Amino acid sequence: MPRIYSLGDYSERLRGVSLVVGEGLCSNIYVIGREAAVVVDTGVGNRVNSVWPQLEELGVPPNKVKGVVLTHAHHDHAMGAFIILEKADPRVFVHTFDTKYIASRIDPQLVKVEDGDIIETELWPLKVIWTPGHTGGSICLYNEDEKILFSGDTVFPDGYFGSFDGDTGSLRAIIESLRKLSEMDVEVILPGHGSPVFNDADDHIRRAYHNASLLA
């Protein structure tokens, strides 16, 4: 069964954020807030990772799910959105370049986002950082005050980064995206897969940028 972690137990700046770790090929699911919850990535949405049992365990019923943000449209991150939409009516934020894969199934809740857009949450605003490379419409979400980065499949802990060999992937683009992230002030990484980084996340990003650049 998916496991739930209260990230405020690990970092005070993440109080009110929960992590749902799915089973198998399933993205991490982050739940921000409780009264007007925003869900960042939604997992694969299969029988084992059906989202709602975990949201209900967190005290988030359908009427309190106000937003869903997909860092990209790959099925292991996006398919759980359709499970959420069976019961709730949130806005679903997706970068314009990735909407073509799922837009027809999300309208009218779909909100197309671009680099620099702001997504409000119960806890703090998140700035959309367009980080193509894994997909053409991959995004990260950044809060400057708390130095938190939801990094999707763009960058992972320990100098790893997302694959770039998919239909809209690009090594050149992911190197540029990692360069951009390496110039930001980031203390916490909340990645699409793997464990969060709670301190000195800048170092992990710089290592990923270095490692990707060696492939060019």
Protein backbone atom coordinates (compact mmCIF):
# COMPACT_ATOMS: atom_id res chain seq x y z
CA MET A 1 0.00 0.00 0.00
CA PRO A 2 1.18 3.58 -0.59
CA ARG A 3 2.89 5.17 2.40
CA ILE A 4 2.17 8.64 3.76
CA TYR A 5 4.73 10.96 5.33
CA SER A 6 4.15 14.29 7.04
CA LEU A 7 7.08 16.33 5.75
CA GLY A 8 6.73 18.82 8.57
CA ASP A 9 8.29 16.12 10.76
CA TYR A 10 11.50 16.52 8.74
CA SER A 11 11.54 20.24 8.02
CA GLU A 12 9.61 23.06 9.68
CA ARG A 13 9.28 24.87 6.35
CA LEU A 14 7.23 21.90 5.05
CA ARG A 15 4.65 21.87 7.83
CA GLY A 16 1.31 21.20 6.14
CA VAL A 17 2.84 19.22 3.25
CA SER A 18 2.43 15.46 2.98
CA LEU A 19 4.13 12.96 0.70
CA VAL A 20 2.38 9.87 -0.63
CA VAL A 21 4.86 7.29 -1.92
CA GLY A 22 3.18 4.96 -4.38
CA GLU A 23 3.76 1.35 -5.28
CA GLY A 24 5.64 0.36 -8.43
CA LEU A 25 6.03 2.79 -11.34
CA CYS A 26 4.25 5.67 -9.66
CA SER A 27 5.33 9.22 -9.01
CA ASN A 28 5.49 10.79 -5.60
CA ILE A 29 2.29 12.66 -4.73
CA TYR A 30 2.57 15.84 -2.66
CA VAL A 31 -0.45 17.26 -0.85
CA ILE A 32 -0.18 20.92 0.15
CA GLY A 33 -2.61 22.07 2.83
CA ARG A 34 -5.88 20.54 3.99
CA GLU A 35 -8.72 23.07 3.71
CA ALA A 36 -7.92 24.10 0.11
CA ALA A 37 -5.55 21.33 -0.86
CA VAL A 38 -3.32 21.43 -3.91
CA VAL A 39 -1.97 18.09 -5.14
CA VAL A 40 1.34 18.10 -7.00
CA ASP A 41 1.47 15.07 -9.31
CA THR A 42 -1.06 12.32 -8.89
CA GLY A 43 0.62 8.99 -9.51
CA VAL A 44 -0.31 6.32 -12.00
CA GLY A 45 -3.92 6.00 -10.85
CA ASN A 46 -4.13 2.21 -10.91
CA ARG A 47 -5.94 0.02 -8.39
CA VAL A 48 -3.05 0.03 -5.91
CA ASN A 49 -2.39 3.77 -6.29
CA SER A 50 -5.95 5.00 -6.36
CA VAL A 51 -5.24 8.34 -4.56
CA TRP A 52 -8.50 8.72 -2.66
CA PRO A 53 -7.76 6.42 0.29
CA GLN A 54 -4.64 8.46 1.00
CA LEU A 55 -6.36 11.83 0.59
CA GLU A 56 -9.14 10.72 2.93
CA GLU A 57 -6.59 9.47 5.46
CA LEU A 58 -5.06 12.95 5.36
CA GLY A 59 -8.46 14.49 6.04
CA VAL A 60 -8.90 15.87 2.52
CA PRO A 61 -12.39 15.05 1.19
CA PRO A 62 -13.35 15.81 -2.43
CA ASN A 63 -14.74 19.28 -1.70
CA LYS A 64 -11.38 20.37 -0.26
CA VAL A 65 -9.26 19.42 -3.29
CA LYS A 66 -8.95 22.78 -5.04
CA GLY A 67 -6.00 22.27 -7.37
CA VAL A 68 -3.91 19.63 -9.11
CA VAL A 69 -0.54 20.46 -10.68
CA LEU A 70 1.10 18.04 -13.10
CA THR A 71 4.84 18.54 -13.50
CA HIS A 72 4.49 16.76 -16.85
CA ALA A 73 2.04 14.50 -18.64
CA HIS A 74 3.71 11.10 -18.33
CA HIS A 75 1.25 8.48 -17.14
CA ASP A 76 3.05 7.73 -13.87
CA HIS A 77 2.50 11.36 -12.82
CA ALA A 78 -0.76 12.27 -14.53
CA MET A 79 -3.21 9.37 -14.64
CA GLY A 80 -4.20 9.73 -11.00
CA ALA A 81 -5.70 13.10 -11.94
CA PHE A 82 -8.59 11.31 -13.60
CA ILE A 83 -9.24 9.36 -10.38
CA ILE A 84 -9.35 12.67 -8.51
CA LEU A 85 -11.73 14.16 -11.09
CA GLU A 86 -14.20 11.33 -10.56
CA LYS A 87 -15.07 12.85 -7.17
CA ALA A 88 -13.66 16.38 -7.08
CA ASP A 89 -13.68 19.47 -9.30
CA PRO A 90 -10.24 21.06 -8.95
CA ARG A 91 -8.42 23.19 -11.48
CA VAL A 92 -5.72 21.12 -13.19
CA PHE A 93 -2.53 23.04 -14.04
CA VAL A 94 -0.38 21.72 -16.91
CA HIS A 95 2.23 23.44 -19.06
CA THR A 96 0.90 24.35 -22.48
CA PHE A 97 3.32 22.06 -24.31
CA ASP A 98 2.14 18.95 -22.41
CA THR A 99 -1.59 19.64 -22.50
CA LYS A 100 -2.05 18.00 -25.91
CA TYR A 101 -1.60 14.59 -24.32
CA ILE A 102 -4.41 14.91 -21.79
CA ALA A 103 -6.39 18.09 -22.50
CA SER A 104 -9.41 16.39 -24.04
CA ARG A 105 -9.90 14.35 -20.88
CA ILE A 106 -9.54 17.24 -18.41
CA ASP A 107 -11.57 20.10 -19.92
CA PRO A 108 -13.06 22.31 -18.56
CA GLN A 109 -10.86 22.10 -15.42
CA LEU A 110 -7.64 22.48 -17.44
CA VAL A 111 -5.50 25.56 -16.80
CA LYS A 112 -2.55 26.00 -19.16
CA VAL A 113 0.50 27.48 -17.45
CA GLU A 114 3.66 29.12 -18.73
CA ASP A 115 7.06 29.97 -17.27
CA GLY A 116 6.71 32.52 -14.49
CA ASP A 117 3.03 31.92 -13.71
CA ILE A 118 2.04 31.80 -10.04
CA ILE A 119 -0.07 29.01 -8.55
CA GLU A 120 -1.54 29.92 -5.19
CA THR A 121 -1.74 27.34 -2.42
CA GLU A 122 -3.02 27.37 1.14
CA LEU A 123 0.55 27.65 2.45
CA TRP A 124 2.51 29.77 -0.04
CA PRO A 125 2.56 30.72 -3.73
CA LEU A 126 4.46 28.54 -6.19
CA LYS A 127 6.16 29.96 -9.25
CA VAL A 128 6.10 27.85 -12.41
CA ILE A 129 9.62 27.22 -13.72
CA TRP A 130 9.56 25.79 -17.24
CA THR A 131 12.22 23.06 -17.37
CA PRO A 132 11.98 21.21 -20.70
CA GLY A 133 14.19 18.23 -21.40
CA HIS A 134 12.40 15.27 -19.83
CA THR A 135 9.34 16.38 -21.79
CA GLY A 136 8.72 19.54 -23.76
CA GLY A 137 6.31 20.80 -21.12
CA SER A 138 8.07 19.73 -17.92
CA ILE A 139 7.83 22.22 -15.06
CA CYS A 140 9.17 22.68 -11.57
CA LEU A 141 7.43 24.68 -8.84
CA TYR A 142 9.39 27.10 -6.69
CA ASN A 143 8.75 29.08 -3.54
CA GLU A 144 11.50 31.66 -3.15
CA ASP A 145 10.83 32.57 0.48
CA GLU A 146 11.02 28.99 1.76
CA LYS A 147 13.55 27.90 -0.92
CA ILE A 148 11.44 24.87 -1.86
CA LEU A 149 11.52 23.25 -5.31
CA PHE A 150 9.05 20.63 -6.48
CA SER A 151 11.30 19.20 -9.17
CA GLY A 152 9.19 16.60 -10.98
CA ASP A 153 11.41 14.45 -13.18
CA THR A 154 13.83 17.25 -14.05
CA VAL A 155 16.27 16.81 -11.16
CA PHE A 156 16.67 14.17 -8.48
CA PRO A 157 18.86 13.86 -5.39
CA ASP A 158 22.55 13.02 -5.56
CA GLY A 159 23.25 14.52 -8.96
CA TYR A 160 20.71 12.55 -10.97
CA PHE A 161 18.35 14.00 -13.56
CA GLY A 162 15.45 12.90 -15.73
CA SER A 163 15.70 10.84 -18.89
CA PHE A 164 15.68 12.84 -22.12
CA ASP A 165 15.09 10.16 -24.76
CA GLY A 166 11.28 10.37 -24.98
CA ASP A 167 9.27 11.83 -27.86
CA THR A 168 9.69 15.41 -26.65
CA GLY A 169 12.85 14.92 -24.59
CA SER A 170 16.13 16.70 -25.30
CA LEU A 171 19.58 16.48 -23.73
CA ARG A 172 20.34 20.04 -24.76
CA ALA A 173 17.12 21.26 -23.17
CA ILE A 174 17.59 19.40 -19.90
CA ILE A 175 21.14 20.73 -19.57
CA GLU A 176 19.81 24.26 -19.99
CA SER A 177 17.01 23.59 -17.49
CA LEU A 178 19.49 22.26 -14.94
CA ARG A 179 21.71 25.30 -15.52
CA LYS A 180 18.75 27.57 -14.77
CA LEU A 181 17.89 25.64 -11.61
CA SER A 182 21.53 25.65 -10.47
CA GLU A 183 21.43 29.46 -10.32
CA MET A 184 18.44 29.51 -7.97
CA ASP A 185 18.53 29.49 -4.18
CA VAL A 186 17.11 26.07 -3.28
CA GLU A 187 17.28 24.46 0.14
CA VAL A 188 14.65 21.69 -0.34
CA ILE A 189 14.01 19.43 -3.32
CA LEU A 190 10.75 17.51 -3.49
CA PRO A 191 11.37 15.19 -6.48
CA GLY A 192 8.97 13.21 -8.60
CA HIS A 193 10.64 9.97 -7.52
CA GLY A 194 12.91 9.12 -4.62
CA SER A 195 13.36 10.78 -1.26
CA PRO A 196 13.17 14.53 -0.63
CA VAL A 197 16.25 16.57 0.13
CA PHE A 198 15.71 18.78 3.17
CA ASN A 199 19.00 20.70 3.29
CA ASP A 200 21.61 22.03 0.86
CA ALA A 201 19.60 21.05 -2.20
CA ASP A 202 21.61 23.52 -4.30
CA ASP A 203 24.53 21.11 -4.20
CA HIS A 204 22.43 18.25 -5.59
CA ILE A 205 21.23 20.45 -8.46
CA ARG A 206 24.73 21.66 -9.32
CA ARG A 207 25.93 18.06 -9.41
CA ALA A 208 23.09 17.11 -11.74
CA TYR A 209 23.96 20.01 -14.03
CA HIS A 210 27.60 18.93 -14.06
CA ASN A 211 26.75 15.30 -14.76
CA ALA A 212 24.33 16.16 -17.57
CA SER A 213 26.85 18.53 -19.16
CA LEU A 214 29.36 15.67 -19.40
CA LEU A 215 27.01 13.94 -21.85
CA ALA A 216 26.94 16.82 -24.32
